[in-house]
PDB file of N, CA and C in Angstrom:
ATOM      1  N   MET A   1     -19.826   4.334  47.628  1.00  0.00           N
ATOM      2  CA  MET A   1     -19.365   3.342  48.539  1.00  0.00           C
ATOM      3  C   MET A   1     -19.141   2.025  47.795  1.00  0.00           C
ATOM      4  N   MET A   2     -18.081   1.336  48.146  1.00  0.00           N
ATOM      5  CA  MET A   2     -17.784   0.060  47.493  1.00  0.00           C
ATOM      6  C   MET A   2     -18.505  -1.066  48.215  1.00  0.00           C
ATOM      7  N   LYS A   3     -19.022  -1.967  47.443  1.00  0.00           N
ATOM      8  CA  LYS A   3     -19.664  -3.142  48.024  1.00  0.00           C
ATOM      9  C   LYS A   3     -18.586  -4.150  48.420  1.00  0.00           C
ATOM     10  N   PRO A   4     -18.766  -4.790  49.560  1.00  0.00           N
ATOM     11  CA  PRO A   4     -17.788  -5.827  49.919  1.00  0.00           C
ATOM     12  C   PRO A   4     -17.870  -6.976  48.921  1.00  0.00           C
ATOM     13  N   SER A   5     -16.726  -7.451  48.538  1.00  0.00           N
ATOM     14  CA  SER A   5     -16.718  -8.541  47.552  1.00  0.00           C
ATOM     15  C   SER A   5     -17.098  -9.850  48.236  1.00  0.00           C
ATOM     16  N   MET A   6     -17.927 -10.569  47.577  1.00  0.00           N
ATOM     17  CA  MET A   6     -18.360 -11.868  48.083  1.00  0.00           C
ATOM     18  C   MET A   6     -17.352 -12.912  47.627  1.00  0.00           C
ATOM     19  N   PRO A   7     -16.961 -13.771  48.530  1.00  0.00           N
ATOM     20  CA  PRO A   7     -16.015 -14.808  48.101  1.00  0.00           C
ATOM     21  C   PRO A   7     -16.671 -15.729  47.086  1.00  0.00           C
ATOM     22  N   GLY A   8     -15.961 -15.968  46.028  1.00  0.00           N
ATOM     23  CA  GLY A   8     -16.470 -16.849  44.979  1.00  0.00           C
ATOM     24  C   GLY A   8     -16.254 -18.302  45.353  1.00  0.00           C
ATOM     25  N   PRO A   9     -16.715 -19.165  44.512  1.00  0.00           N
ATOM     26  CA  PRO A   9     -16.512 -20.591  44.790  1.00  0.00           C
ATOM     27  C   PRO A   9     -15.021 -20.926  44.765  1.00  0.00           C
ATOM     28  N   THR A  10     -14.631 -21.787  45.653  1.00  0.00           N
ATOM     29  CA  THR A  10     -13.236 -22.203  45.720  1.00  0.00           C
ATOM     30  C   THR A  10     -12.945 -23.137  44.555  1.00  0.00           C
ATOM     31  N   PRO A  11     -11.901 -22.827  43.781  1.00  0.00           N
ATOM     32  CA  PRO A  11     -11.594 -23.713  42.650  1.00  0.00           C
ATOM     33  C   PRO A  11     -11.127 -25.073  43.165  1.00  0.00           C
ATOM     34  N   PRO A  12     -11.436 -26.118  42.432  1.00  0.00           N
ATOM     35  CA  PRO A  12     -10.980 -27.444  42.859  1.00  0.00           C
ATOM     36  C   PRO A  12      -9.457 -27.517  42.788  1.00  0.00           C
ATOM     37  N   PRO A  13      -8.858 -28.349  43.626  1.00  0.00           N
ATOM     38  CA  PRO A  13      -7.397 -28.458  43.574  1.00  0.00           C
ATOM     39  C   PRO A  13      -6.951 -28.999  42.218  1.00  0.00           C
ATOM     40  N   ALA A  14      -5.826 -28.501  41.764  1.00  0.00           N
ATOM     41  CA  ALA A  14      -5.281 -28.952  40.483  1.00  0.00           C
ATOM     42  C   ALA A  14      -4.173 -29.964  40.741  1.00  0.00           C
ATOM     43  N   PHE A  15      -4.088 -30.957  39.906  1.00  0.00           N
ATOM     44  CA  PHE A  15      -3.062 -31.967  40.045  1.00  0.00           C
ATOM     45  C   PHE A  15      -2.338 -32.116  38.724  1.00  0.00           C
ATOM     46  N   PHE A  16      -1.038 -32.333  38.829  1.00  0.00           N
ATOM     47  CA  PHE A  16      -0.226 -32.563  37.650  1.00  0.00           C
ATOM     48  C   PHE A  16      -0.446 -34.003  37.205  1.00  0.00           C
ATOM     49  N   ILE A  17      -0.758 -34.184  35.961  1.00  0.00           N
ATOM     50  CA  ILE A  17      -1.008 -35.522  35.441  1.00  0.00           C
ATOM     51  C   ILE A  17       0.125 -35.887  34.486  1.00  0.00           C
ATOM     52  N   ALA A  18       0.733 -37.012  34.735  1.00  0.00           N
ATOM     53  CA  ALA A  18       1.790 -37.518  33.862  1.00  0.00           C
ATOM     54  C   ALA A  18       1.573 -39.012  33.688  1.00  0.00           C
ATOM     55  N   SER A  19       2.122 -39.555  32.637  1.00  0.00           N
ATOM     56  CA  SER A  19       1.978 -40.997  32.432  1.00  0.00           C
ATOM     57  C   SER A  19       2.910 -41.736  33.384  1.00  0.00           C
ATOM     58  N   TRP A  20       2.549 -42.971  33.672  1.00  0.00           N
ATOM     59  CA  TRP A  20       3.399 -43.783  34.541  1.00  0.00           C
ATOM     60  C   TRP A  20       4.750 -44.018  33.874  1.00  0.00           C
ATOM     61  N   GLN A  21       4.743 -44.120  32.554  1.00  0.00           N
ATOM     62  CA  GLN A  21       6.003 -44.321  31.836  1.00  0.00           C
ATOM     63  C   GLN A  21       6.919 -43.113  32.005  1.00  0.00           C
ATOM     64  N   SER A  22       6.363 -41.906  31.902  1.00  0.00           N
ATOM     65  CA  SER A  22       7.209 -40.717  32.060  1.00  0.00           C
ATOM     66  C   SER A  22       7.714 -40.600  33.493  1.00  0.00           C
ATOM     67  N   LEU A  23       6.899 -41.001  34.471  1.00  0.00           N
ATOM     68  CA  LEU A  23       7.369 -40.998  35.861  1.00  0.00           C
ATOM     69  C   LEU A  23       8.517 -41.983  36.024  1.00  0.00           C
ATOM     70  N   GLU A  24       8.362 -43.166  35.453  1.00  0.00           N
ATOM     71  CA  GLU A  24       9.422 -44.175  35.555  1.00  0.00           C
ATOM     72  C   GLU A  24      10.709 -43.693  34.885  1.00  0.00           C
ATOM     73  N   GLU A  25      10.585 -43.082  33.720  1.00  0.00           N
ATOM     74  CA  GLU A  25      11.771 -42.565  33.027  1.00  0.00           C
ATOM     75  C   GLU A  25      12.441 -41.465  33.844  1.00  0.00           C
ATOM     76  N   GLY A  26      11.635 -40.572  34.407  1.00  0.00           N
ATOM     77  CA  GLY A  26      12.188 -39.489  35.217  1.00  0.00           C
ATOM     78  C   GLY A  26      12.885 -40.001  36.461  1.00  0.00           C
ATOM     79  N   LEU A  27      12.261 -40.952  37.154  1.00  0.00           N
ATOM     80  CA  LEU A  27      12.884 -41.514  38.356  1.00  0.00           C
ATOM     81  C   LEU A  27      14.166 -42.264  38.016  1.00  0.00           C
ATOM     82  N   THR A  28      14.180 -42.932  36.868  1.00  0.00           N
ATOM     83  CA  THR A  28      15.391 -43.639  36.446  1.00  0.00           C
ATOM     84  C   THR A  28      16.527 -42.650  36.204  1.00  0.00           C
ATOM     85  N   LEU A  29      16.213 -41.533  35.557  1.00  0.00           N
ATOM     86  CA  LEU A  29      17.244 -40.516  35.305  1.00  0.00           C
ATOM     87  C   LEU A  29      17.745 -39.876  36.597  1.00  0.00           C
ATOM     88  N   MET A  30      16.862 -39.757  37.581  1.00  0.00           N
ATOM     89  CA  MET A  30      17.224 -39.096  38.835  1.00  0.00           C
ATOM     90  C   MET A  30      17.845 -40.034  39.862  1.00  0.00           C
ATOM     91  N   ALA A  31      17.829 -41.335  39.595  1.00  0.00           N
ATOM     92  CA  ALA A  31      18.336 -42.297  40.576  1.00  0.00           C
ATOM     93  C   ALA A  31      19.773 -41.957  40.954  1.00  0.00           C
ATOM     94  N   GLY A  32      20.024 -41.922  42.256  1.00  0.00           N
ATOM     95  CA  GLY A  32      21.337 -41.519  42.748  1.00  0.00           C
ATOM     96  C   GLY A  32      22.408 -42.577  42.604  1.00  0.00           C
ATOM     97  N   THR A  33      22.023 -43.835  42.542  1.00  0.00           N
ATOM     98  CA  THR A  33      22.975 -44.936  42.382  1.00  0.00           C
ATOM     99  C   THR A  33      22.349 -45.978  41.457  1.00  0.00           C
ATOM    100  N   PRO A  34      23.178 -46.823  40.839  1.00  0.00           N
ATOM    101  CA  PRO A  34      22.616 -47.880  39.988  1.00  0.00           C
ATOM    102  C   PRO A  34      21.676 -48.814  40.760  1.00  0.00           C
ATOM    103  N   GLU A  35      22.012 -49.115  42.029  1.00  0.00           N
ATOM    104  CA  GLU A  35      21.139 -50.014  42.789  1.00  0.00           C
ATOM    105  C   GLU A  35      19.790 -49.371  43.078  1.00  0.00           C
ATOM    106  N   ARG A  36      19.761 -48.064  43.264  1.00  0.00           N
ATOM    107  CA  ARG A  36      18.478 -47.379  43.440  1.00  0.00           C
ATOM    108  C   ARG A  36      17.731 -47.321  42.106  1.00  0.00           C
ATOM    109  N   GLY A  37      18.458 -47.180  41.024  1.00  0.00           N
ATOM    110  CA  GLY A  37      17.836 -47.194  39.708  1.00  0.00           C
ATOM    111  C   GLY A  37      17.131 -48.504  39.415  1.00  0.00           C
ATOM    112  N   ARG A  38      17.695 -49.598  39.930  1.00  0.00           N
ATOM    113  CA  ARG A  38      17.061 -50.902  39.724  1.00  0.00           C
ATOM    114  C   ARG A  38      15.756 -51.036  40.508  1.00  0.00           C
ATOM    115  N   LEU A  39      15.535 -50.172  41.491  1.00  0.00           N
ATOM    116  CA  LEU A  39      14.302 -50.207  42.285  1.00  0.00           C
ATOM    117  C   LEU A  39      13.159 -49.418  41.648  1.00  0.00           C
ATOM    118  N   VAL A  40      13.459 -48.669  40.597  1.00  0.00           N
ATOM    119  CA  VAL A  40      12.446 -47.793  39.999  1.00  0.00           C
ATOM    120  C   VAL A  40      11.224 -48.560  39.486  1.00  0.00           C
ATOM    121  N   PRO A  41      11.372 -49.624  38.692  1.00  0.00           N
ATOM    122  CA  PRO A  41      10.162 -50.310  38.204  1.00  0.00           C
ATOM    123  C   PRO A  41       9.270 -50.822  39.339  1.00  0.00           C
ATOM    124  N   GLU A  42       9.884 -51.381  40.373  1.00  0.00           N
ATOM    125  CA  GLU A  42       9.114 -51.876  41.516  1.00  0.00           C
ATOM    126  C   GLU A  42       8.404 -50.726  42.238  1.00  0.00           C
ATOM    127  N   THR A  43       9.087 -49.596  42.347  1.00  0.00           N
ATOM    128  CA  THR A  43       8.506 -48.430  43.012  1.00  0.00           C
ATOM    129  C   THR A  43       7.308 -47.904  42.237  1.00  0.00           C
ATOM    130  N   VAL A  44       7.447 -47.776  40.926  1.00  0.00           N
ATOM    131  CA  VAL A  44       6.345 -47.282  40.099  1.00  0.00           C
ATOM    132  C   VAL A  44       5.172 -48.256  40.150  1.00  0.00           C
ATOM    133  N   SER A  45       5.462 -49.541  40.161  1.00  0.00           N
ATOM    134  CA  SER A  45       4.401 -50.537  40.275  1.00  0.00           C
ATOM    135  C   SER A  45       3.637 -50.365  41.592  1.00  0.00           C
ATOM    136  N   ALA A  46       4.351 -50.131  42.676  1.00  0.00           N
ATOM    137  CA  ALA A  46       3.702 -49.921  43.977  1.00  0.00           C
ATOM    138  C   ALA A  46       2.856 -48.650  43.969  1.00  0.00           C
ATOM    139  N   LEU A  47       3.339 -47.607  43.308  1.00  0.00           N
ATOM    140  CA  LEU A  47       2.569 -46.365  43.219  1.00  0.00           C
ATOM    141  C   LEU A  47       1.290 -46.576  42.407  1.00  0.00           C
ATOM    142  N   ARG A  48       1.394 -47.326  41.335  1.00  0.00           N
ATOM    143  CA  ARG A  48       0.201 -47.622  40.519  1.00  0.00           C
ATOM    144  C   ARG A  48      -0.824 -48.414  41.318  1.00  0.00           C
ATOM    145  N   LYS A  49      -0.345 -49.371  42.098  1.00  0.00           N
ATOM    146  CA  LYS A  49      -1.247 -50.169  42.934  1.00  0.00           C
ATOM    147  C   LYS A  49      -1.924 -49.296  43.987  1.00  0.00           C
ATOM    148  N   ALA A  50      -1.177 -48.349  44.549  1.00  0.00           N
ATOM    149  CA  ALA A  50      -1.763 -47.446  45.550  1.00  0.00           C
ATOM    150  C   ALA A  50      -2.873 -46.609  44.925  1.00  0.00           C
ATOM    151  N   GLN A  51      -2.653 -46.151  43.697  1.00  0.00           N
ATOM    152  CA  GLN A  51      -3.691 -45.376  43.017  1.00  0.00           C
ATOM    153  C   GLN A  51      -4.908 -46.252  42.726  1.00  0.00           C
ATOM    154  N   ALA A  52      -4.669 -47.460  42.249  1.00  0.00           N
ATOM    155  CA  ALA A  52      -5.773 -48.371  41.934  1.00  0.00           C
ATOM    156  C   ALA A  52      -6.557 -48.760  43.187  1.00  0.00           C
ATOM    157  N   ALA A  53      -5.880 -48.765  44.338  1.00  0.00           N
ATOM    158  CA  ALA A  53      -6.539 -49.115  45.598  1.00  0.00           C
ATOM    159  C   ALA A  53      -7.374 -47.962  46.142  1.00  0.00           C
ATOM    160  N   GLY A  54      -7.294 -46.811  45.481  1.00  0.00           N
ATOM    161  CA  GLY A  54      -8.136 -45.689  45.876  1.00  0.00           C
ATOM    162  C   GLY A  54      -7.469 -44.637  46.732  1.00  0.00           C
ATOM    163  N   ASP A  55      -6.139 -44.625  46.774  1.00  0.00           N
ATOM    164  CA  ASP A  55      -5.459 -43.552  47.514  1.00  0.00           C
ATOM    165  C   ASP A  55      -5.901 -42.203  46.971  1.00  0.00           C
ATOM    166  N   PRO A  56      -6.205 -41.243  47.838  1.00  0.00           N
ATOM    167  CA  PRO A  56      -6.561 -39.911  47.342  1.00  0.00           C
ATOM    168  C   PRO A  56      -5.347 -39.263  46.666  1.00  0.00           C
ATOM    169  N   PRO A  57      -5.580 -38.342  45.740  1.00  0.00           N
ATOM    170  CA  PRO A  57      -4.470 -37.713  45.018  1.00  0.00           C
ATOM    171  C   PRO A  57      -3.414 -37.090  45.935  1.00  0.00           C
ATOM    172  N   SER A  58      -3.829 -36.495  47.040  1.00  0.00           N
ATOM    173  CA  SER A  58      -2.848 -35.865  47.927  1.00  0.00           C
ATOM    174  C   SER A  58      -1.920 -36.903  48.550  1.00  0.00           C
ATOM    175  N   LYS A  59      -2.458 -38.051  48.913  1.00  0.00           N
ATOM    176  CA  LYS A  59      -1.631 -39.109  49.498  1.00  0.00           C
ATOM    177  C   LYS A  59      -0.713 -39.713  48.439  1.00  0.00           C
ATOM    178  N   LEU A  60      -1.233 -39.886  47.233  1.00  0.00           N
ATOM    179  CA  LEU A  60      -0.413 -40.420  46.150  1.00  0.00           C
ATOM    180  C   LEU A  60       0.733 -39.465  45.825  1.00  0.00           C
ATOM    181  N   LEU A  61       0.452 -38.173  45.839  1.00  0.00           N
ATOM    182  CA  LEU A  61       1.505 -37.187  45.591  1.00  0.00           C
ATOM    183  C   LEU A  61       2.596 -37.290  46.648  1.00  0.00           C
ATOM    184  N   LEU A  62       2.221 -37.451  47.909  1.00  0.00           N
ATOM    185  CA  LEU A  62       3.220 -37.617  48.970  1.00  0.00           C
ATOM    186  C   LEU A  62       4.049 -38.875  48.746  1.00  0.00           C
ATOM    187  N   ARG A  63       3.411 -39.934  48.294  1.00  0.00           N
ATOM    188  CA  ARG A  63       4.148 -41.169  48.002  1.00  0.00           C
ATOM    189  C   ARG A  63       5.151 -40.952  46.861  1.00  0.00           C
ATOM    190  N   VAL A  64       4.729 -40.238  45.825  1.00  0.00           N
ATOM    191  CA  VAL A  64       5.622 -39.955  44.694  1.00  0.00           C
ATOM    192  C   VAL A  64       6.805 -39.105  45.154  1.00  0.00           C
ATOM    193  N   LEU A  65       6.538 -38.099  45.970  1.00  0.00           N
ATOM    194  CA  LEU A  65       7.621 -37.243  46.459  1.00  0.00           C
ATOM    195  C   LEU A  65       8.584 -38.018  47.353  1.00  0.00           C
ATOM    196  N   ALA A  66       8.055 -38.871  48.214  1.00  0.00           N
ATOM    197  CA  ALA A  66       8.915 -39.682  49.081  1.00  0.00           C
ATOM    198  C   ALA A  66       9.767 -40.642  48.253  1.00  0.00           C
ATOM    199  N   ALA A  67       9.158 -41.263  47.258  1.00  0.00           N
ATOM    200  CA  ALA A  67       9.905 -42.176  46.391  1.00  0.00           C
ATOM    201  C   ALA A  67      10.992 -41.426  45.630  1.00  0.00           C
ATOM    202  N   THR A  68      10.670 -40.233  45.162  1.00  0.00           N
ATOM    203  CA  THR A  68      11.656 -39.426  44.439  1.00  0.00           C
ATOM    204  C   THR A  68      12.842 -39.092  45.336  1.00  0.00           C
ATOM    205  N   ALA A  69      12.559 -38.669  46.561  1.00  0.00           N
ATOM    206  CA  ALA A  69      13.640 -38.329  47.495  1.00  0.00           C
ATOM    207  C   ALA A  69      14.503 -39.555  47.789  1.00  0.00           C
ATOM    208  N   PHE A  70      13.866 -40.687  48.023  1.00  0.00           N
ATOM    209  CA  PHE A  70      14.610 -41.908  48.323  1.00  0.00           C
ATOM    210  C   PHE A  70      15.475 -42.334  47.138  1.00  0.00           C
ATOM    211  N   LEU A  71      14.892 -42.366  45.954  1.00  0.00           N
ATOM    212  CA  LEU A  71      15.622 -42.851  44.786  1.00  0.00           C
ATOM    213  C   LEU A  71      16.719 -41.891  44.340  1.00  0.00           C
ATOM    214  N   ALA A  72      16.550 -40.605  44.581  1.00  0.00           N
ATOM    215  CA  ALA A  72      17.552 -39.619  44.162  1.00  0.00           C
ATOM    216  C   ALA A  72      18.741 -39.555  45.118  1.00  0.00           C
ATOM    217  N   ASP A  73      18.609 -40.130  46.288  1.00  0.00           N
ATOM    218  CA  ASP A  73      19.702 -40.133  47.266  1.00  0.00           C
ATOM    219  C   ASP A  73      20.870 -40.939  46.703  1.00  0.00           C
ATOM    220  N   ASP A  74      22.089 -40.452  46.919  1.00  0.00           N
ATOM    221  CA  ASP A  74      23.246 -41.172  46.389  1.00  0.00           C
ATOM    222  C   ASP A  74      23.966 -42.003  47.451  1.00  0.00           C
ATOM    223  N   THR A  75      23.348 -42.183  48.613  1.00  0.00           N
ATOM    224  CA  THR A  75      23.921 -43.027  49.650  1.00  0.00           C
ATOM    225  C   THR A  75      23.740 -44.494  49.254  1.00  0.00           C
ATOM    226  N   PRO A  76      24.801 -45.298  49.334  1.00  0.00           N
ATOM    227  CA  PRO A  76      24.644 -46.719  48.996  1.00  0.00           C
ATOM    228  C   PRO A  76      23.606 -47.387  49.902  1.00  0.00           C
ATOM    229  N   LEU A  77      22.801 -48.264  49.337  1.00  0.00           N
ATOM    230  CA  LEU A  77      21.740 -48.922  50.099  1.00  0.00           C
ATOM    231  C   LEU A  77      22.272 -49.842  51.185  1.00  0.00           C
ATOM    232  N   ARG A  78      23.412 -50.446  50.980  1.00  0.00           N
ATOM    233  CA  ARG A  78      23.913 -51.403  51.967  1.00  0.00           C
ATOM    234  C   ARG A  78      24.223 -50.745  53.308  1.00  0.00           C
ATOM    235  N   ASN A  79      24.308 -49.407  53.337  1.00  0.00           N
ATOM    236  CA  ASN A  79      24.546 -48.700  54.594  1.00  0.00           C
ATOM    237  C   ASN A  79      23.264 -48.483  55.380  1.00  0.00           C
ATOM    238  N   LEU A  80      22.114 -48.738  54.765  1.00  0.00           N
ATOM    239  CA  LEU A  80      20.842 -48.513  55.437  1.00  0.00           C
ATOM    240  C   LEU A  80      20.353 -49.805  56.065  1.00  0.00           C
ATOM    241  N   GLU A  81      19.891 -49.686  57.301  1.00  0.00           N
ATOM    242  CA  GLU A  81      19.347 -50.845  57.989  1.00  0.00           C
ATOM    243  C   GLU A  81      18.085 -50.435  58.715  1.00  0.00           C
ATOM    244  N   GLY A  82      17.220 -51.377  58.959  1.00  0.00           N
ATOM    245  CA  GLY A  82      16.036 -51.133  59.770  1.00  0.00           C
ATOM    246  C   GLY A  82      15.005 -50.275  59.076  1.00  0.00           C
ATOM    247  N   ALA A  83      14.327 -49.455  59.876  1.00  0.00           N
ATOM    248  CA  ALA A  83      13.196 -48.676  59.372  1.00  0.00           C
ATOM    249  C   ALA A  83      13.605 -47.652  58.323  1.00  0.00           C
ATOM    250  N   GLY A  84      14.861 -47.257  58.266  1.00  0.00           N
ATOM    251  CA  GLY A  84      15.294 -46.267  57.297  1.00  0.00           C
ATOM    252  C   GLY A  84      15.484 -46.824  55.900  1.00  0.00           C
ATOM    253  N   ALA A  85      15.528 -48.131  55.779  1.00  0.00           N
ATOM    254  CA  ALA A  85      15.738 -48.745  54.470  1.00  0.00           C
ATOM    255  C   ALA A  85      14.404 -49.018  53.808  1.00  0.00           C
ATOM    256  N   MET A  86      14.329 -48.685  52.534  1.00  0.00           N
ATOM    257  CA  MET A  86      13.104 -48.960  51.783  1.00  0.00           C
ATOM    258  C   MET A  86      13.285 -50.311  51.111  1.00  0.00           C
ATOM    259  N   THR A  87      12.448 -51.258  51.474  1.00  0.00           N
ATOM    260  CA  THR A  87      12.598 -52.602  50.902  1.00  0.00           C
ATOM    261  C   THR A  87      11.392 -52.978  50.097  1.00  0.00           C
TER     262      THR A  87
END
């Protein structure tokens, strides 16, 4: 007879670690428009501040993904108004 397997300890979540410089370079390359590219340094600075303020890794990852989606969009910024515009 086989013994039922006991669940082992759950491994801790793994996170991808990259330098802030490499993130900034990657976001600059992915920027959909020159005006969005000019927002990259400010965006990375805000992400660094969020990490320093104690944002949990999962929340910081969501912020990075949201910033990536916003910056990679090729829609001109002047067409965005209100809550949809990232300022």
